[in-house]
PDB file of N, CA and C in Angstrom:
ATOM      1  N   MET A   1     131.118 118.708  51.430  1.00  0.00           N
ATOM      2  CA  MET A   1     131.617 119.741  50.550  1.00  0.00           C
ATOM      3  C   MET A   1     132.717 119.132  49.676  1.00  0.00           C
ATOM      4  N   ILE A   2     132.716 119.495  48.416  1.00  0.00           N
ATOM      5  CA  ILE A   2     133.724 118.987  47.486  1.00  0.00           C
ATOM      6  C   ILE A   2     134.974 119.865  47.554  1.00  0.00           C
ATOM      7  N   PHE A   3     136.130 119.215  47.581  1.00  0.00           N
ATOM      8  CA  PHE A   3     137.407 119.921  47.587  1.00  0.00           C
ATOM      9  C   PHE A   3     138.270 119.427  46.436  1.00  0.00           C
ATOM     10  N   ALA A   4     138.901 120.374  45.745  1.00  0.00           N
ATOM     11  CA  ALA A   4     139.900 120.063  44.732  1.00  0.00           C
ATOM     12  C   ALA A   4     141.257 120.184  45.410  1.00  0.00           C
ATOM     13  N   ILE A   5     142.068 119.143  45.258  1.00  0.00           N
ATOM     14  CA  ILE A   5     143.372 119.094  45.910  1.00  0.00           C
ATOM     15  C   ILE A   5     144.429 118.947  44.823  1.00  0.00           C
ATOM     16  N   LEU A   6     145.263 119.969  44.686  1.00  0.00           N
ATOM     17  CA  LEU A   6     146.337 119.990  43.691  1.00  0.00           C
ATOM     18  C   LEU A   6     147.644 119.676  44.409  1.00  0.00           C
ATOM     19  N   LEU A   7     148.319 118.648  43.917  1.00  0.00           N
ATOM     20  CA  LEU A   7     149.539 118.163  44.561  1.00  0.00           C
ATOM     21  C   LEU A   7     150.632 118.015  43.514  1.00  0.00           C
ATOM     22  N   MET A   8     151.617 118.865  43.557  1.00  0.00           N
ATOM     23  CA  MET A   8     152.739 118.772  42.626  1.00  0.00           C
ATOM     24  C   MET A   8     153.858 117.983  43.288  1.00  0.00           C
ATOM     25  N   ASP A   9     154.515 117.128  42.492  1.00  0.00           N
ATOM     26  CA  ASP A   9     155.610 116.314  43.018  1.00  0.00           C
ATOM     27  C   ASP A   9     156.852 117.169  43.260  1.00  0.00           C
ATOM     28  N   ARG A  10     157.599 116.788  44.273  1.00  0.00           N
ATOM     29  CA  ARG A  10     158.917 117.386  44.496  1.00  0.00           C
ATOM     30  C   ARG A  10     159.835 116.873  43.384  1.00  0.00           C
ATOM     31  N   PRO A  11     160.762 117.684  42.940  1.00  0.00           N
ATOM     32  CA  PRO A  11     161.716 117.219  41.925  1.00  0.00           C
ATOM     33  C   PRO A  11     162.486 115.988  42.425  1.00  0.00           C
ATOM     34  N   GLY A  12     162.717 115.060  41.525  1.00  0.00           N
ATOM     35  CA  GLY A  12     163.524 113.894  41.832  1.00  0.00           C
ATOM     36  C   GLY A  12     162.818 112.800  42.614  1.00  0.00           C
ATOM     37  N   THR A  13     161.483 112.789  42.622  1.00  0.00           N
ATOM     38  CA  THR A  13     160.760 111.786  43.410  1.00  0.00           C
ATOM     39  C   THR A  13     160.053 110.734  42.547  1.00  0.00           C
ATOM     40  N   ALA A  14     160.404 110.631  41.275  1.00  0.00           N
ATOM     41  CA  ALA A  14     159.717 109.688  40.381  1.00  0.00           C
ATOM     42  C   ALA A  14     159.836 108.246  40.872  1.00  0.00           C
ATOM     43  N   GLU A  15     161.024 107.828  41.277  1.00  0.00           N
ATOM     44  CA  GLU A  15     161.212 106.450  41.746  1.00  0.00           C
ATOM     45  C   GLU A  15     160.463 106.228  43.061  1.00  0.00           C
ATOM     46  N   LEU A  16     160.495 107.207  43.937  1.00  0.00           N
ATOM     47  CA  LEU A  16     159.765 107.117  45.198  1.00  0.00           C
ATOM     48  C   LEU A  16     158.268 106.981  44.938  1.00  0.00           C
ATOM     49  N   ARG A  17     157.757 107.767  43.987  1.00  0.00           N
ATOM     50  CA  ARG A  17     156.341 107.688  43.598  1.00  0.00           C
ATOM     51  C   ARG A  17     155.990 106.271  43.160  1.00  0.00           C
ATOM     52  N   THR A  18     156.836 105.666  42.350  1.00  0.00           N
ATOM     53  CA  THR A  18     156.590 104.308  41.873  1.00  0.00           C
ATOM     54  C   THR A  18     156.569 103.313  43.032  1.00  0.00           C
ATOM     55  N   GLN A  19     157.484 103.453  43.962  1.00  0.00           N
ATOM     56  CA  GLN A  19     157.569 102.542  45.104  1.00  0.00           C
ATOM     57  C   GLN A  19     156.349 102.644  46.019  1.00  0.00           C
ATOM     58  N   VAL A  20     155.850 103.859  46.209  1.00  0.00           N
ATOM     59  CA  VAL A  20     154.779 104.103  47.173  1.00  0.00           C
ATOM     60  C   VAL A  20     153.387 103.958  46.543  1.00  0.00           C
ATOM     61  N   ARG A  21     153.306 103.919  45.211  1.00  0.00           N
ATOM     62  CA  ARG A  21     152.011 103.893  44.519  1.00  0.00           C
ATOM     63  C   ARG A  21     151.035 102.835  45.052  1.00  0.00           C
ATOM     64  N   PRO A  22     151.437 101.587  45.312  1.00  0.00           N
ATOM     65  CA  PRO A  22     150.450 100.619  45.818  1.00  0.00           C
ATOM     66  C   PRO A  22     149.786 101.072  47.130  1.00  0.00           C
ATOM     67  N   ALA A  23     150.559 101.601  48.053  1.00  0.00           N
ATOM     68  CA  ALA A  23     149.983 102.086  49.319  1.00  0.00           C
ATOM     69  C   ALA A  23     149.093 103.298  49.073  1.00  0.00           C
ATOM     70  N   HIS A  24     149.496 104.155  48.163  1.00  0.00           N
ATOM     71  CA  HIS A  24     148.704 105.339  47.789  1.00  0.00           C
ATOM     72  C   HIS A  24     147.340 104.905  47.251  1.00  0.00           C
ATOM     73  N   ARG A  25     147.335 103.947  46.343  1.00  0.00           N
ATOM     74  CA  ARG A  25     146.076 103.479  45.748  1.00  0.00           C
ATOM     75  C   ARG A  25     145.186 102.796  46.792  1.00  0.00           C
ATOM     76  N   ASP A  26     145.778 102.023  47.682  1.00  0.00           N
ATOM     77  CA  ASP A  26     145.004 101.397  48.759  1.00  0.00           C
ATOM     78  C   ASP A  26     144.359 102.450  49.653  1.00  0.00           C
ATOM     79  N   TYR A  27     145.102 103.502  49.953  1.00  0.00           N
ATOM     80  CA  TYR A  27     144.588 104.575  50.808  1.00  0.00           C
ATOM     81  C   TYR A  27     143.434 105.302  50.123  1.00  0.00           C
ATOM     82  N   LEU A  28     143.577 105.604  48.844  1.00  0.00           N
ATOM     83  CA  LEU A  28     142.503 106.247  48.094  1.00  0.00           C
ATOM     84  C   LEU A  28     141.259 105.365  48.044  1.00  0.00           C
ATOM     85  N   ALA A  29     141.456 104.079  47.881  1.00  0.00           N
ATOM     86  CA  ALA A  29     140.327 103.154  47.748  1.00  0.00           C
ATOM     87  C   ALA A  29     139.423 103.165  48.977  1.00  0.00           C
ATOM     88  N   LYS A  30     139.973 103.495  50.129  1.00  0.00           N
ATOM     89  CA  LYS A  30     139.176 103.538  51.356  1.00  0.00           C
ATOM     90  C   LYS A  30     138.094 104.623  51.303  1.00  0.00           C
ATOM     91  N   LEU A  31     138.301 105.641  50.462  1.00  0.00           N
ATOM     92  CA  LEU A  31     137.316 106.717  50.315  1.00  0.00           C
ATOM     93  C   LEU A  31     136.771 106.786  48.892  1.00  0.00           C
ATOM     94  N   ALA A  32     136.761 105.656  48.192  1.00  0.00           N
ATOM     95  CA  ALA A  32     136.304 105.649  46.798  1.00  0.00           C
ATOM     96  C   ALA A  32     134.901 106.223  46.645  1.00  0.00           C
ATOM     97  N   ASP A  33     134.035 106.007  47.625  1.00  0.00           N
ATOM     98  CA  ASP A  33     132.666 106.507  47.535  1.00  0.00           C
ATOM     99  C   ASP A  33     132.584 108.018  47.729  1.00  0.00           C
ATOM    100  N   LYS A  34     133.668 108.645  48.146  1.00  0.00           N
ATOM    101  CA  LYS A  34     133.712 110.095  48.355  1.00  0.00           C
ATOM    102  C   LYS A  34     134.481 110.814  47.241  1.00  0.00           C
ATOM    103  N   MET A  35     134.943 110.059  46.247  1.00  0.00           N
ATOM    104  CA  MET A  35     135.820 110.605  45.221  1.00  0.00           C
ATOM    105  C   MET A  35     135.047 110.931  43.946  1.00  0.00           C
ATOM    106  N   ALA A  36     135.147 112.188  43.506  1.00  0.00           N
ATOM    107  CA  ALA A  36     134.578 112.570  42.215  1.00  0.00           C
ATOM    108  C   ALA A  36     135.510 112.081  41.103  1.00  0.00           C
ATOM    109  N   PHE A  37     136.789 112.386  41.252  1.00  0.00           N
ATOM    110  CA  PHE A  37     137.807 111.853  40.359  1.00  0.00           C
ATOM    111  C   PHE A  37     139.175 112.089  40.962  1.00  0.00           C
ATOM    112  N   SER A  38     140.142 111.336  40.456  1.00  0.00           N
ATOM    113  CA  SER A  38     141.526 111.502  40.890  1.00  0.00           C
ATOM    114  C   SER A  38     142.437 110.909  39.834  1.00  0.00           C
ATOM    115  N   GLY A  39     143.661 111.369  39.828  1.00  0.00           N
ATOM    116  CA  GLY A  39     144.637 110.815  38.905  1.00  0.00           C
ATOM    117  C   GLY A  39     145.882 111.651  38.856  1.00  0.00           C
ATOM    118  N   PRO A  40     146.882 111.130  38.164  1.00  0.00           N
ATOM    119  CA  PRO A  40     148.140 111.858  38.067  1.00  0.00           C
ATOM    120  C   PRO A  40     148.055 113.009  37.072  1.00  0.00           C
ATOM    121  N   LEU A  41     148.747 114.063  37.388  1.00  0.00           N
ATOM    122  CA  LEU A  41     149.017 115.125  36.413  1.00  0.00           C
ATOM    123  C   LEU A  41     150.278 114.692  35.683  1.00  0.00           C
ATOM    124  N   THR A  42     150.320 114.899  34.383  1.00  0.00           N
ATOM    125  CA  THR A  42     151.474 114.419  33.619  1.00  0.00           C
ATOM    126  C   THR A  42     152.132 115.559  32.854  1.00  0.00           C
ATOM    127  N   SER A  43     153.361 115.285  32.445  1.00  0.00           N
ATOM    128  CA  SER A  43     154.050 116.204  31.548  1.00  0.00           C
ATOM    129  C   SER A  43     153.388 116.092  30.175  1.00  0.00           C
ATOM    130  N   GLU A  44     153.850 116.850  29.232  1.00  0.00           N
ATOM    131  CA  GLU A  44     153.216 116.868  27.913  1.00  0.00           C
ATOM    132  C   GLU A  44     153.292 115.528  27.188  1.00  0.00           C
ATOM    133  N   ASP A  45     154.172 114.640  27.641  1.00  0.00           N
ATOM    134  CA  ASP A  45     154.225 113.323  26.993  1.00  0.00           C
ATOM    135  C   ASP A  45     153.038 112.448  27.388  1.00  0.00           C
ATOM    136  N   GLY A  46     152.255 112.900  28.376  1.00  0.00           N
ATOM    137  CA  GLY A  46     151.086 112.160  28.810  1.00  0.00           C
ATOM    138  C   GLY A  46     151.407 110.934  29.650  1.00  0.00           C
ATOM    139  N   LYS A  47     152.665 110.727  29.969  1.00  0.00           N
ATOM    140  CA  LYS A  47     153.080 109.530  30.711  1.00  0.00           C
ATOM    141  C   LYS A  47     153.834 109.841  32.001  1.00  0.00           C
ATOM    142  N   THR A  48     154.653 110.864  31.981  1.00  0.00           N
ATOM    143  CA  THR A  48     155.492 111.175  33.123  1.00  0.00           C
ATOM    144  C   THR A  48     154.700 111.944  34.172  1.00  0.00           C
ATOM    145  N   ALA A  49     154.506 111.336  35.339  1.00  0.00           N
ATOM    146  CA  ALA A  49     153.745 111.972  36.414  1.00  0.00           C
ATOM    147  C   ALA A  49     154.520 113.150  36.986  1.00  0.00           C
ATOM    148  N   VAL A  50     153.810 114.249  37.195  1.00  0.00           N
ATOM    149  CA  VAL A  50     154.407 115.448  37.803  1.00  0.00           C
ATOM    150  C   VAL A  50     153.628 115.884  39.047  1.00  0.00           C
ATOM    151  N   GLY A  51     152.559 115.173  39.351  1.00  0.00           N
ATOM    152  CA  GLY A  51     151.728 115.515  40.502  1.00  0.00           C
ATOM    153  C   GLY A  51     150.429 114.740  40.454  1.00  0.00           C
ATOM    154  N   SER A  52     149.466 115.189  41.261  1.00  0.00           N
ATOM    155  CA  SER A  52     148.163 114.538  41.326  1.00  0.00           C
ATOM    156  C   SER A  52     147.067 115.574  41.468  1.00  0.00           C
ATOM    157  N   LEU A  53     145.883 115.211  41.005  1.00  0.00           N
ATOM    158  CA  LEU A  53     144.690 116.021  41.214  1.00  0.00           C
ATOM    159  C   LEU A  53     143.624 115.116  41.804  1.00  0.00           C
ATOM    160  N   LEU A  54     143.110 115.509  42.960  1.00  0.00           N
ATOM    161  CA  LEU A  54     142.050 114.769  43.634  1.00  0.00           C
ATOM    162  C   LEU A  54     140.870 115.706  43.810  1.00  0.00           C
ATOM    163  N   VAL A  55     139.683 115.226  43.550  1.00  0.00           N
ATOM    164  CA  VAL A  55     138.458 115.983  43.819  1.00  0.00           C
ATOM    165  C   VAL A  55     137.573 115.060  44.638  1.00  0.00           C
ATOM    166  N   MET A  56     137.401 115.437  45.927  1.00  0.00           N
ATOM    167  CA  MET A  56     136.771 114.532  46.879  1.00  0.00           C
ATOM    168  C   MET A  56     135.846 115.281  47.823  1.00  0.00           C
ATOM    169  N   ASP A  57     134.929 114.532  48.399  1.00  0.00           N
ATOM    170  CA  ASP A  57     133.971 115.064  49.357  1.00  0.00           C
ATOM    171  C   ASP A  57     134.507 114.882  50.776  1.00  0.00           C
ATOM    172  N   PHE A  58     134.607 115.989  51.504  1.00  0.00           N
ATOM    173  CA  PHE A  58     135.001 115.984  52.906  1.00  0.00           C
ATOM    174  C   PHE A  58     134.060 116.911  53.660  1.00  0.00           C
ATOM    175  N   PRO A  59     133.848 116.683  54.943  1.00  0.00           N
ATOM    176  CA  PRO A  59     132.972 117.573  55.700  1.00  0.00           C
ATOM    177  C   PRO A  59     133.534 118.982  55.887  1.00  0.00           C
ATOM    178  N   SER A  60     134.860 119.124  55.771  1.00  0.00           N
ATOM    179  CA  SER A  60     135.495 120.437  55.962  1.00  0.00           C
ATOM    180  C   SER A  60     136.894 120.414  55.364  1.00  0.00           C
ATOM    181  N   LYS A  61     137.472 121.599  55.225  1.00  0.00           N
ATOM    182  CA  LYS A  61     138.852 121.673  54.751  1.00  0.00           C
ATOM    183  C   LYS A  61     139.782 121.023  55.764  1.00  0.00           C
ATOM    184  N   ALA A  62     139.498 121.203  57.042  1.00  0.00           N
ATOM    185  CA  ALA A  62     140.323 120.574  58.079  1.00  0.00           C
ATOM    186  C   ALA A  62     140.309 119.052  57.943  1.00  0.00           C
ATOM    187  N   ALA A  63     139.157 118.485  57.604  1.00  0.00           N
ATOM    188  CA  ALA A  63     139.066 117.032  57.400  1.00  0.00           C
ATOM    189  C   ALA A  63     139.884 116.610  56.190  1.00  0.00           C
ATOM    190  N   ALA A  64     139.841 117.397  55.117  1.00  0.00           N
ATOM    191  CA  ALA A  64     140.649 117.095  53.926  1.00  0.00           C
ATOM    192  C   ALA A  64     142.135 117.151  54.273  1.00  0.00           C
ATOM    193  N   GLU A  65     142.534 118.167  55.018  1.00  0.00           N
ATOM    194  CA  GLU A  65     143.938 118.301  55.415  1.00  0.00           C
ATOM    195  C   GLU A  65     144.375 117.135  56.299  1.00  0.00           C
ATOM    196  N   ALA A  66     143.515 116.726  57.239  1.00  0.00           N
ATOM    197  CA  ALA A  66     143.849 115.608  58.122  1.00  0.00           C
ATOM    198  C   ALA A  66     144.002 114.320  57.316  1.00  0.00           C
ATOM    199  N   TRP A  67     143.080 114.070  56.377  1.00  0.00           N
ATOM    200  CA  TRP A  67     143.162 112.883  55.537  1.00  0.00           C
ATOM    201  C   TRP A  67     144.451 112.907  54.713  1.00  0.00           C
ATOM    202  N   LEU A  68     144.754 114.070  54.133  1.00  0.00           N
ATOM    203  CA  LEU A  68     145.936 114.202  53.286  1.00  0.00           C
ATOM    204  C   LEU A  68     147.223 114.019  54.088  1.00  0.00           C
ATOM    205  N   SER A  69     147.230 114.404  55.344  1.00  0.00           N
ATOM    206  CA  SER A  69     148.446 114.275  56.159  1.00  0.00           C
ATOM    207  C   SER A  69     148.842 112.816  56.360  1.00  0.00           C
ATOM    208  N   GLU A  70     147.891 111.898  56.224  1.00  0.00           N
ATOM    209  CA  GLU A  70     148.163 110.469  56.380  1.00  0.00           C
ATOM    210  C   GLU A  70     148.302 109.743  55.042  1.00  0.00           C
ATOM    211  N   GLU A  71     148.140 110.460  53.947  1.00  0.00           N
ATOM    212  CA  GLU A  71     148.203 109.885  52.604  1.00  0.00           C
ATOM    213  C   GLU A  71     149.644 109.434  52.330  1.00  0.00           C
ATOM    214  N   PRO A  72     149.858 108.228  51.801  1.00  0.00           N
ATOM    215  CA  PRO A  72     151.207 107.688  51.639  1.00  0.00           C
ATOM    216  C   PRO A  72     152.181 108.535  50.819  1.00  0.00           C
ATOM    217  N   PHE A  73     151.751 109.132  49.711  1.00  0.00           N
ATOM    218  CA  PHE A  73     152.672 109.999  48.958  1.00  0.00           C
ATOM    219  C   PHE A  73     153.080 111.199  49.805  1.00  0.00           C
ATOM    220  N   THR A  74     152.137 111.746  50.561  1.00  0.00           N
ATOM    221  CA  THR A  74     152.445 112.885  51.431  1.00  0.00           C
ATOM    222  C   THR A  74     153.453 112.458  52.493  1.00  0.00           C
ATOM    223  N   LYS A  75     153.176 111.353  53.165  1.00  0.00           N
ATOM    224  CA  LYS A  75     154.055 110.885  54.233  1.00  0.00           C
ATOM    225  C   LYS A  75     155.449 110.538  53.723  1.00  0.00           C
ATOM    226  N   ALA A  76     155.544 110.038  52.489  1.00  0.00           N
ATOM    227  CA  ALA A  76     156.838 109.652  51.914  1.00  0.00           C
ATOM    228  C   ALA A  76     157.626 110.849  51.389  1.00  0.00           C
ATOM    229  N   GLY A  77     156.986 112.014  51.276  1.00  0.00           N
ATOM    230  CA  GLY A  77     157.681 113.198  50.782  1.00  0.00           C
ATOM    231  C   GLY A  77     157.632 113.378  49.280  1.00  0.00           C
ATOM    232  N   VAL A  78     156.700 112.701  48.602  1.00  0.00           N
ATOM    233  CA  VAL A  78     156.579 112.856  47.151  1.00  0.00           C
ATOM    234  C   VAL A  78     156.080 114.251  46.802  1.00  0.00           C
ATOM    235  N   TYR A  79     155.096 114.742  47.537  1.00  0.00           N
ATOM    236  CA  TYR A  79     154.444 116.004  47.193  1.00  0.00           C
ATOM    237  C   TYR A  79     155.104 117.220  47.822  1.00  0.00           C
ATOM    238  N   GLU A  80     155.026 118.323  47.082  1.00  0.00           N
ATOM    239  CA  GLU A  80     155.322 119.630  47.650  1.00  0.00           C
ATOM    240  C   GLU A  80     154.075 120.073  48.410  1.00  0.00           C
ATOM    241  N   LYS A  81     154.011 121.308  48.811  1.00  0.00           N
ATOM    242  CA  LYS A  81     152.882 121.821  49.589  1.00  0.00           C
ATOM    243  C   LYS A  81     151.573 121.699  48.801  1.00  0.00           C
ATOM    244  N   PRO A  82     150.546 121.077  49.415  1.00  0.00           N
ATOM    245  CA  PRO A  82     149.271 120.925  48.710  1.00  0.00           C
ATOM    246  C   PRO A  82     148.506 122.241  48.612  1.00  0.00           C
ATOM    247  N   ILE A  83     147.683 122.328  47.584  1.00  0.00           N
ATOM    248  CA  ILE A  83     146.743 123.434  47.434  1.00  0.00           C
ATOM    249  C   ILE A  83     145.357 122.812  47.503  1.00  0.00           C
ATOM    250  N   ILE A  84     144.560 123.259  48.468  1.00  0.00           N
ATOM    251  CA  ILE A  84     143.231 122.697  48.692  1.00  0.00           C
ATOM    252  C   ILE A  84     142.211 123.820  48.623  1.00  0.00           C
ATOM    253  N   HIS A  85     141.215 123.657  47.754  1.00  0.00           N
ATOM    254  CA  HIS A  85     140.145 124.655  47.615  1.00  0.00           C
ATOM    255  C   HIS A  85     138.799 123.960  47.557  1.00  0.00           C
ATOM    256  N   ALA A  86     137.803 124.590  48.153  1.00  0.00           N
ATOM    257  CA  ALA A  86     136.435 124.131  47.965  1.00  0.00           C
ATOM    258  C   ALA A  86     136.117 124.260  46.482  1.00  0.00           C
ATOM    259  N   PHE A  87     135.307 123.328  45.984  1.00  0.00           N
ATOM    260  CA  PHE A  87     135.029 123.279  44.553  1.00  0.00           C
ATOM    261  C   PHE A  87     133.524 123.163  44.336  1.00  0.00           C
ATOM    262  N   SER A  88     133.031 123.939  43.399  1.00  0.00           N
ATOM    263  CA  SER A  88     131.625 123.880  43.029  1.00  0.00           C
ATOM    264  C   SER A  88     131.539 123.565  41.543  1.00  0.00           C
ATOM    265  N   ASN A  89     131.009 122.395  41.206  1.00  0.00           N
ATOM    266  CA  ASN A  89     130.896 121.984  39.811  1.00  0.00           C
ATOM    267  C   ASN A  89     129.693 122.680  39.180  1.00  0.00           C
ATOM    268  N   MET A  90     129.953 123.613  38.289  1.00  0.00           N
ATOM    269  CA  MET A  90     128.897 124.391  37.651  1.00  0.00           C
ATOM    270  C   MET A  90     128.572 123.901  36.242  1.00  0.00           C
ATOM    271  N   TRP A  91     129.216 122.832  35.817  1.00  0.00           N
ATOM    272  CA  TRP A  91     129.000 122.313  34.473  1.00  0.00           C
ATOM    273  C   TRP A  91     128.469 120.901  34.572  1.00  0.00           C
ATOM    274  N   GLU A  92     127.287 120.678  34.077  1.00  0.00           N
ATOM    275  CA  GLU A  92     126.704 119.347  34.126  1.00  0.00           C
ATOM    276  C   GLU A  92     127.530 118.399  33.285  1.00  0.00           C
ATOM    277  N   GLN A  93     127.973 117.348  33.892  1.00  0.00           N
ATOM    278  CA  GLN A  93     128.787 116.379  33.183  1.00  0.00           C
ATOM    279  C   GLN A  93     127.914 115.522  32.302  1.00  0.00           C
ATOM    280  N   LYS A  94     128.120 115.590  31.002  1.00  0.00           N
ATOM    281  CA  LYS A  94     127.321 114.835  30.040  1.00  0.00           C
ATOM    282  C   LYS A  94     127.925 113.467  29.765  1.00  0.00           C
ATOM    283  N   VAL A  95     129.236 113.394  29.754  1.00  0.00           N
ATOM    284  CA  VAL A  95     129.905 112.128  29.493  1.00  0.00           C
ATOM    285  C   VAL A  95     131.052 111.963  30.482  1.00  0.00           C
ATOM    286  N   GLY A  96     131.430 110.749  30.709  1.00  0.00           N
ATOM    287  CA  GLY A  96     132.558 110.492  31.603  1.00  0.00           C
ATOM    288  C   GLY A  96     133.762 110.083  30.802  1.00  0.00           C
ATOM    289  N   PHE A  97     134.837 110.078  31.458  1.00  0.00           N
ATOM    290  CA  PHE A  97     136.078 109.610  30.866  1.00  0.00           C
ATOM    291  C   PHE A  97     136.404 108.274  31.512  1.00  0.00           C
ATOM    292  N   PRO A  98     136.493 107.215  30.733  1.00  0.00           N
ATOM    293  CA  PRO A  98     136.786 105.915  31.347  1.00  0.00           C
ATOM    294  C   PRO A  98     138.176 105.929  31.969  1.00  0.00           C
ATOM    295  N   PRO A  99     138.342 105.208  33.074  1.00  0.00           N
ATOM    296  CA  PRO A  99     139.674 105.164  33.674  1.00  0.00           C
ATOM    297  C   PRO A  99     140.653 104.530  32.700  1.00  0.00           C
ATOM    298  N   SER A 100     141.864 105.061  32.681  1.00  0.00           N
ATOM    299  CA  SER A 100     142.878 104.447  31.825  1.00  0.00           C
ATOM    300  C   SER A 100     143.482 103.261  32.547  1.00  0.00           C
ATOM    301  N   ALA A 101     143.890 102.320  31.768  1.00  0.00           N
ATOM    302  CA  ALA A 101     144.452 101.083  32.346  1.00  0.00           C
ATOM    303  C   ALA A 101     145.853 101.293  32.824  1.00  0.00           C
TER     304      ALA A 101
END
């Protein structure tokens, strides 16, 4: 089942986010084959991270919650309370968005 996970950063955690990012990316990479997409949510400048959006396949919401509890940004205290919802993609994706460098 696909789950959309909305994660807003706690105020004042920008430097912590930068420090923990390598471990965060390594952790995500372990489930790359289960990921529809993921990336930072940004402020209107398009650069300043304010949170993350993950859309991933898990067998259950409990499995998503368990995975997220071990996620490095979560463990470091970057995120506020996550919002996790089952997601059903009703729009056929015609084109993709290339990952930004």
